[in-house]
Amino acid sequence: MLASLRHRLHEAFVRWALRVRPPEPAPIVLTQRRVYVLPTRAGLAYAMALGVILLGAMNYNLSLGHALVFLLAGLGIVTILHTFRNLVLIAIRPGRCEPVFAGSLAQFDLVLENRRPDARTCLRLFIGDETPIEVDVAPHAGTVATLNVAATKRGWLPMPRLTIETTWPLGLVRAWSYAVPDLNCLIYPAPAAKAPPLPWRGESGRGSTKDGRGADDFSGLRDHQVADPPRHVAWKAVARQQDGPLLTKLFEGAAAQQVWLDWEALPDTIDTERRLSILARWILDANAAGLAWGLRLPGVRLAPDNGPAQLAGGLRALALHHHGAQ
């Protein structure tokens, strides 16, 4: 009950502290009104020690005791100023975020810009309860900080709320601020660990690969890959070797390997997420084998092709299936 109340109060404070509705447009500048300062445990202990010293100096009328207390108190006040200045006016811009598969870590890149002539030292950035990362920013320079977030499901993953803080130079006070950069990561469905073989029968097996390899003229052998059709395995060459690897025959011509990866080719008993995982595995296998492959989804048709652009387009279509715009 107490933890729940504390969480609600914290979230209410964060909404007030952000002062804008997330996500925030770039650049996000940590102005004076967005930076908050409170003593750390070490700072509270420091203040209590000063109080004890002051009481002793007053009780025994020690001039040097008073001087020591005033000196240390002045040091604490100066520390507050330096800690605040170490964080204020930092500018945050969203960087790159490469797509990843569900079940891995999404990496959000943030660019921290220091617009002042003073170096920013020991800035800590973290999301939620994750381990903070620490960065330094040189005067009139910028640096890139990469934050990891668990990607649990496919689709767009918006970057969660970021906390940036510092206790530099003495650790007596903590200055912190919040930010929600406008940065999203595309999460592909996790490829199925076990999937049916690529659909080679009928229409699925017609066409040609992008590099022109076909089934007309024999052109050589290469190592067998999972996506290769069994009929192209060089069984005679394998039989002549002892414990040798499987080899696949390569052909040149017009009637070659083209495969359609079709949503409807999978049984109706398989649910949507499992279908997408199998299709993701098929796409990766077909791409690894150098095949020209096409993709059919409800409402989406990707013409046969091969290469990085085709791979990214197919996985994107799977990731955004029934998630809005492709």
Protein backbone atom coordinates (compact mmCIF):
# COMPACT_ATOMS: atom_id res chain seq x y z
CA MET A 1 0.00 0.00 0.00
CA LEU A 2 2.76 2.42 0.96
CA ALA A 3 4.82 1.47 -2.10
CA SER A 4 1.82 2.03 -4.38
CA LEU A 5 1.17 5.46 -2.88
CA ARG A 6 4.84 6.36 -3.24
CA HIS A 7 4.79 5.29 -6.89
CA ARG A 8 1.69 7.38 -7.66
CA LEU A 9 3.20 10.43 -5.99
CA HIS A 10 6.44 9.94 -7.93
CA GLU A 11 4.59 9.64 -11.25
CA ALA A 12 2.55 12.76 -10.45
CA PHE A 13 5.77 14.65 -9.72
CA VAL A 14 7.36 13.43 -12.96
CA ARG A 15 4.37 14.59 -15.02
CA TRP A 16 4.61 18.00 -13.38
CA ALA A 17 8.41 18.10 -13.75
CA LEU A 18 8.36 17.35 -17.50
CA ARG A 19 6.09 20.39 -18.09
CA VAL A 20 5.30 19.15 -21.62
CA ARG A 21 3.36 16.20 -22.95
CA PRO A 22 5.71 13.39 -24.03
CA PRO A 23 7.32 12.66 -26.39
CA GLU A 24 9.26 15.90 -26.44
CA PRO A 25 10.44 17.58 -29.66
CA ALA A 26 14.18 17.91 -30.18
CA PRO A 27 16.30 19.44 -28.91
CA ILE A 28 15.40 18.90 -25.26
CA VAL A 29 17.22 21.57 -23.27
CA LEU A 30 17.49 21.09 -19.52
CA THR A 31 16.67 24.63 -18.44
CA GLN A 32 16.91 25.86 -14.87
CA ARG A 33 13.24 25.11 -14.20
CA ARG A 34 13.74 21.45 -15.20
CA VAL A 35 16.72 20.66 -12.97
CA TYR A 36 16.03 19.67 -9.36
CA VAL A 37 18.51 19.47 -6.48
CA LEU A 38 18.31 17.58 -3.19
CA PRO A 39 20.98 16.42 -0.70
CA THR A 40 22.21 12.85 -0.89
CA ARG A 41 22.63 10.64 2.15
CA ALA A 42 26.23 11.77 2.30
CA GLY A 43 25.03 15.38 2.14
CA LEU A 44 22.60 14.85 5.04
CA ALA A 45 25.37 13.23 7.09
CA TYR A 46 27.63 16.17 6.21
CA ALA A 47 24.99 18.66 7.42
CA MET A 48 24.46 16.72 10.67
CA ALA A 49 28.22 16.65 11.30
CA LEU A 50 28.36 20.42 10.82
CA GLY A 51 25.53 20.82 13.33
CA VAL A 52 27.40 18.74 15.91
CA ILE A 53 30.60 20.71 15.37
CA LEU A 54 28.68 23.97 15.68
CA LEU A 55 27.09 22.89 18.97
CA GLY A 56 30.48 21.91 20.34
CA ALA A 57 32.03 25.19 19.24
CA MET A 58 29.21 27.18 20.85
CA ASN A 59 29.36 25.14 24.06
CA TYR A 60 33.09 25.58 24.50
CA ASN A 61 33.26 29.03 22.86
CA LEU A 62 35.82 27.88 20.28
CA SER A 63 36.54 30.50 17.66
CA LEU A 64 38.39 28.02 15.46
CA GLY A 65 35.40 25.66 15.71
CA HIS A 66 33.10 28.40 14.42
CA ALA A 67 35.55 29.16 11.62
CA LEU A 68 35.69 25.49 10.64
CA VAL A 69 31.89 25.19 10.57
CA PHE A 70 31.51 28.31 8.43
CA LEU A 71 34.26 27.14 6.07
CA LEU A 72 32.70 23.71 5.59
CA ALA A 73 29.20 25.18 5.26
CA GLY A 74 30.45 27.51 2.55
CA LEU A 75 32.02 24.53 0.80
CA GLY A 76 28.64 22.75 0.87
CA ILE A 77 26.84 25.76 -0.60
CA VAL A 78 29.40 26.07 -3.40
CA THR A 79 28.97 22.34 -4.08
CA ILE A 80 25.24 22.88 -4.64
CA LEU A 81 26.01 25.51 -7.26
CA HIS A 82 28.61 23.40 -9.08
CA THR A 83 26.41 20.29 -9.10
CA PHE A 84 23.51 22.31 -10.53
CA ARG A 85 25.70 23.94 -13.19
CA ASN A 86 27.09 20.52 -14.17
CA LEU A 87 23.66 19.50 -15.47
CA VAL A 88 21.78 22.64 -16.45
CA LEU A 89 21.57 23.62 -20.15
CA ILE A 90 22.54 20.18 -21.44
CA ALA A 91 20.76 19.58 -24.77
CA ILE A 92 19.49 16.11 -25.68
CA ARG A 93 18.80 15.00 -29.26
CA PRO A 94 17.54 11.58 -30.41
CA GLY A 95 20.08 9.56 -32.37
CA ARG A 96 19.89 6.24 -34.21
CA CYS A 97 17.98 3.15 -33.19
CA GLU A 98 18.47 0.07 -35.36
CA PRO A 99 15.64 -2.48 -35.59
CA VAL A 100 16.06 -5.60 -33.46
CA PHE A 101 14.21 -8.87 -32.95
CA ALA A 102 11.81 -9.39 -30.08
CA GLY A 103 13.52 -10.92 -27.08
CA SER A 104 16.72 -8.89 -27.51
CA LEU A 105 17.75 -5.41 -26.39
CA ALA A 106 16.77 -2.25 -28.24
CA GLN A 107 19.61 0.28 -28.26
CA PHE A 108 18.57 3.92 -28.17
CA ASP A 109 21.30 6.41 -29.08
CA LEU A 110 21.06 9.89 -27.55
CA VAL A 111 23.29 12.84 -28.46
CA LEU A 112 24.22 15.01 -25.47
CA GLU A 113 25.37 18.52 -26.42
CA ASN A 114 27.29 20.82 -24.10
CA ARG A 115 26.69 24.44 -25.13
CA ARG A 116 28.86 25.96 -22.39
CA PRO A 117 32.65 26.36 -22.03
CA ASP A 118 32.71 24.10 -18.95
CA ALA A 119 33.13 20.34 -19.20
CA ARG A 120 30.24 18.24 -17.91
CA THR A 121 31.59 15.47 -15.73
CA CYS A 122 30.07 12.23 -14.44
CA LEU A 123 26.59 12.51 -15.93
CA ARG A 124 24.56 9.36 -15.27
CA LEU A 125 21.69 8.31 -17.53
CA PHE A 126 19.26 5.48 -16.87
CA ILE A 127 15.76 4.22 -17.67
CA GLY A 128 13.62 2.83 -14.87
CA ASP A 129 15.59 0.52 -12.62
CA GLU A 130 18.29 -0.24 -15.19
CA THR A 131 21.98 0.20 -14.38
CA PRO A 132 23.04 3.80 -15.15
CA ILE A 133 25.63 4.61 -17.77
CA GLU A 134 28.11 7.41 -17.08
CA VAL A 135 29.33 9.90 -19.66
CA ASP A 136 31.45 13.06 -19.79
CA VAL A 137 30.88 15.87 -22.27
CA ALA A 138 33.72 18.17 -23.31
CA PRO A 139 33.22 21.96 -23.59
CA HIS A 140 31.26 23.03 -26.69
CA ALA A 141 31.09 19.38 -27.80
CA GLY A 142 28.74 16.45 -27.89
CA THR A 143 28.81 12.77 -27.09
CA VAL A 144 26.58 9.77 -27.79
CA ALA A 145 25.06 7.75 -24.97
CA THR A 146 23.48 4.36 -25.72
CA LEU A 147 20.71 3.06 -23.49
CA ASN A 148 19.40 -0.51 -23.64
CA VAL A 149 15.73 -1.40 -23.28
CA ALA A 150 14.29 -4.92 -23.34
CA ALA A 151 12.28 -5.53 -26.53
CA THR A 152 9.50 -7.86 -25.44
CA LYS A 153 7.09 -7.71 -28.38
CA ARG A 154 7.07 -6.73 -32.04
CA GLY A 155 6.01 -3.33 -33.37
CA TRP A 156 7.15 0.15 -32.49
CA LEU A 157 8.85 0.54 -29.11
CA PRO A 158 8.90 4.19 -27.94
CA MET A 159 11.81 5.17 -25.78
CA PRO A 160 10.75 5.21 -22.11
CA ARG A 161 11.28 8.14 -19.79
CA LEU A 162 14.93 8.99 -19.25
CA THR A 163 16.46 10.20 -16.00
CA ILE A 164 19.73 12.13 -16.14
CA GLU A 165 21.52 13.00 -12.92
CA THR A 166 24.84 14.02 -11.41
CA THR A 167 26.39 14.23 -7.94
CA TRP A 168 29.66 15.80 -9.12
CA PRO A 169 31.91 17.13 -7.60
CA LEU A 170 31.64 15.95 -3.96
CA GLY A 171 28.56 13.71 -3.93
CA LEU A 172 26.83 15.86 -1.30
CA VAL A 173 23.86 16.84 -3.49
CA ARG A 174 22.06 15.22 -6.41
CA ALA A 175 20.87 17.23 -9.40
CA TRP A 176 18.54 15.45 -11.78
CA SER A 177 16.04 15.94 -14.58
CA TYR A 178 13.67 13.92 -16.75
CA ALA A 179 13.30 13.72 -20.53
CA VAL A 180 11.22 11.73 -23.03
CA PRO A 181 12.94 12.00 -26.45
CA ASP A 182 10.85 11.36 -29.56
CA LEU A 183 12.65 8.15 -30.53
CA ASN A 184 11.16 4.79 -31.54
CA CYS A 185 12.68 1.41 -32.26
CA LEU A 186 11.17 -1.09 -34.69
CA ILE A 187 10.96 -4.57 -33.17
CA TYR A 188 10.83 -7.52 -35.57
CA PRO A 189 9.04 -10.72 -34.54
CA ALA A 190 11.41 -13.28 -33.06
CA PRO A 191 12.32 -15.94 -35.68
CA ALA A 192 10.90 -19.35 -34.83
CA ALA A 193 13.46 -21.73 -33.39
CA LYS A 194 11.68 -24.61 -35.17
CA ALA A 195 9.86 -23.91 -38.42
CA PRO A 196 8.63 -25.96 -41.38
CA PRO A 197 10.96 -26.10 -44.41
CA LEU A 198 10.68 -23.41 -47.03
CA PRO A 199 7.66 -23.93 -49.33
CA TRP A 200 9.14 -25.16 -52.61
CA ARG A 201 6.15 -26.89 -54.21
CA GLY A 202 4.08 -25.47 -57.04
CA GLU A 203 4.19 -21.75 -57.64
CA SER A 204 6.56 -21.19 -54.73
CA GLY A 205 9.52 -22.67 -56.53
CA ARG A 206 9.44 -20.80 -59.87
CA GLY A 207 11.58 -17.92 -61.09
CA SER A 208 15.22 -17.00 -60.69
CA THR A 209 17.63 -15.74 -58.10
CA LYS A 210 18.91 -12.23 -58.21
CA ASP A 211 22.37 -13.37 -59.29
CA GLY A 212 20.97 -15.33 -62.25
CA ARG A 213 21.52 -18.83 -60.88
CA GLY A 214 18.93 -21.27 -62.16
CA ALA A 215 18.22 -24.89 -62.92
CA ASP A 216 19.32 -25.05 -66.59
CA ASP A 217 23.14 -25.35 -66.59
CA PHE A 218 25.33 -26.73 -63.81
CA SER A 219 27.85 -24.12 -62.63
CA GLY A 220 29.51 -25.56 -59.52
CA LEU A 221 29.14 -26.59 -55.88
CA ARG A 222 28.93 -24.72 -52.61
CA ASP A 223 28.32 -25.59 -48.94
CA HIS A 224 24.76 -26.64 -48.22
CA GLN A 225 22.51 -24.17 -46.42
CA VAL A 226 19.33 -24.89 -44.49
CA ALA A 227 17.13 -23.14 -47.04
CA ASP A 228 18.45 -25.12 -50.04
CA PRO A 229 15.92 -27.57 -51.58
CA PRO A 230 16.83 -31.26 -51.03
CA ARG A 231 16.74 -31.96 -54.78
CA HIS A 232 19.77 -29.69 -55.30
CA VAL A 233 22.00 -31.55 -52.83
CA ALA A 234 24.99 -33.11 -54.62
CA TRP A 235 24.46 -36.60 -53.20
CA LYS A 236 27.05 -38.26 -55.45
CA ALA A 237 29.74 -35.78 -54.45
CA VAL A 238 28.89 -36.28 -50.78
CA ALA A 239 29.02 -40.07 -51.15
CA ARG A 240 32.57 -39.89 -52.49
CA GLN A 241 33.75 -38.13 -49.29
CA GLN A 242 34.14 -39.60 -45.86
CA ASP A 243 32.33 -37.48 -43.26
CA GLY A 244 32.37 -34.58 -45.68
CA PRO A 245 29.93 -31.64 -45.55
CA LEU A 246 26.75 -31.51 -47.58
CA LEU A 247 27.17 -29.71 -50.89
CA THR A 248 24.59 -27.93 -53.02
CA LYS A 249 24.67 -27.78 -56.81
CA LEU A 250 24.57 -24.32 -58.40
CA PHE A 251 22.93 -23.71 -61.78
CA GLU A 252 22.76 -20.87 -64.27
CA GLY A 253 19.75 -20.09 -66.42
CA ALA A 254 16.29 -18.63 -66.45
CA ALA A 255 14.26 -21.19 -64.49
CA ALA A 256 15.79 -20.94 -61.06
CA GLN A 257 15.03 -20.51 -57.40
CA GLN A 258 12.26 -18.13 -56.50
CA VAL A 259 10.15 -18.75 -53.43
CA TRP A 260 6.93 -17.19 -52.21
CA LEU A 261 6.50 -16.94 -48.45
CA ASP A 262 2.76 -16.98 -48.04
CA TRP A 263 0.68 -16.34 -44.93
CA GLU A 264 -1.99 -18.69 -46.30
CA ALA A 265 0.52 -21.52 -46.70
CA LEU A 266 0.52 -22.08 -42.95
CA PRO A 267 -2.22 -24.10 -41.19
CA ASP A 268 -5.18 -22.20 -39.78
CA THR A 269 -4.51 -23.71 -36.35
CA ILE A 270 -1.38 -21.57 -35.95
CA ASP A 271 -2.00 -18.26 -34.19
CA THR A 272 -0.92 -14.88 -35.58
CA GLU A 273 2.30 -14.43 -33.61
CA ARG A 274 3.47 -17.96 -34.36
CA ARG A 275 2.79 -17.41 -38.09
CA LEU A 276 4.84 -14.23 -38.03
CA SER A 277 7.70 -16.01 -36.25
CA ILE A 278 7.74 -18.76 -38.87
CA LEU A 279 7.65 -16.23 -41.72
CA ALA A 280 10.54 -14.35 -40.09
CA ARG A 281 12.54 -17.59 -40.00
CA TRP A 282 11.70 -18.29 -43.64
CA ILE A 283 12.79 -14.79 -44.66
CA LEU A 284 16.14 -15.17 -42.89
CA ASP A 285 16.74 -18.62 -44.38
CA ALA A 286 15.79 -17.54 -47.90
CA ASN A 287 17.98 -14.45 -47.64
CA ALA A 288 20.93 -16.50 -46.34
CA ALA A 289 20.57 -18.90 -49.28
CA GLY A 290 20.64 -16.04 -51.80
CA LEU A 291 17.14 -16.78 -53.07
CA ALA A 292 14.76 -14.30 -54.62
CA TRP A 293 11.76 -14.41 -52.31
CA GLY A 294 8.41 -12.69 -52.13
CA LEU A 295 6.07 -12.20 -49.21
CA ARG A 296 2.28 -12.39 -49.05
CA LEU A 297 0.44 -11.15 -45.98
CA PRO A 298 -3.20 -10.10 -45.58
CA GLY A 299 -3.23 -6.70 -47.28
CA VAL A 300 0.51 -6.76 -48.10
CA ARG A 301 2.34 -8.17 -51.12
CA LEU A 302 6.11 -7.86 -51.49
CA ALA A 303 7.43 -8.75 -54.96
CA PRO A 304 10.26 -11.33 -55.17
CA ASP A 305 13.73 -9.89 -54.77
CA ASN A 306 16.84 -10.30 -52.66
CA GLY A 307 19.29 -8.14 -50.75
CA PRO A 308 19.36 -5.91 -47.65
CA ALA A 309 16.45 -3.70 -48.77
CA GLN A 310 14.23 -6.72 -49.42
CA LEU A 311 15.18 -8.24 -46.05
CA ALA A 312 14.42 -5.02 -44.18
CA GLY A 313 11.13 -4.53 -46.05
CA GLY A 314 9.92 -8.05 -45.32
CA LEU A 315 10.79 -7.96 -41.62
CA ARG A 316 9.22 -4.50 -41.32
CA ALA A 317 5.99 -5.80 -42.85
CA LEU A 318 5.94 -8.62 -40.29
CA ALA A 319 6.70 -6.27 -37.41
CA LEU A 320 3.88 -3.87 -38.32
CA HIS A 321 1.27 -6.47 -39.25
CA HIS A 322 -2.01 -5.07 -37.84
CA HIS A 323 -0.01 -2.25 -36.18
CA GLY A 324 -1.04 0.56 -38.50
CA ALA A 325 0.92 2.08 -41.37
CA GLN A 326 3.60 -0.06 -42.99
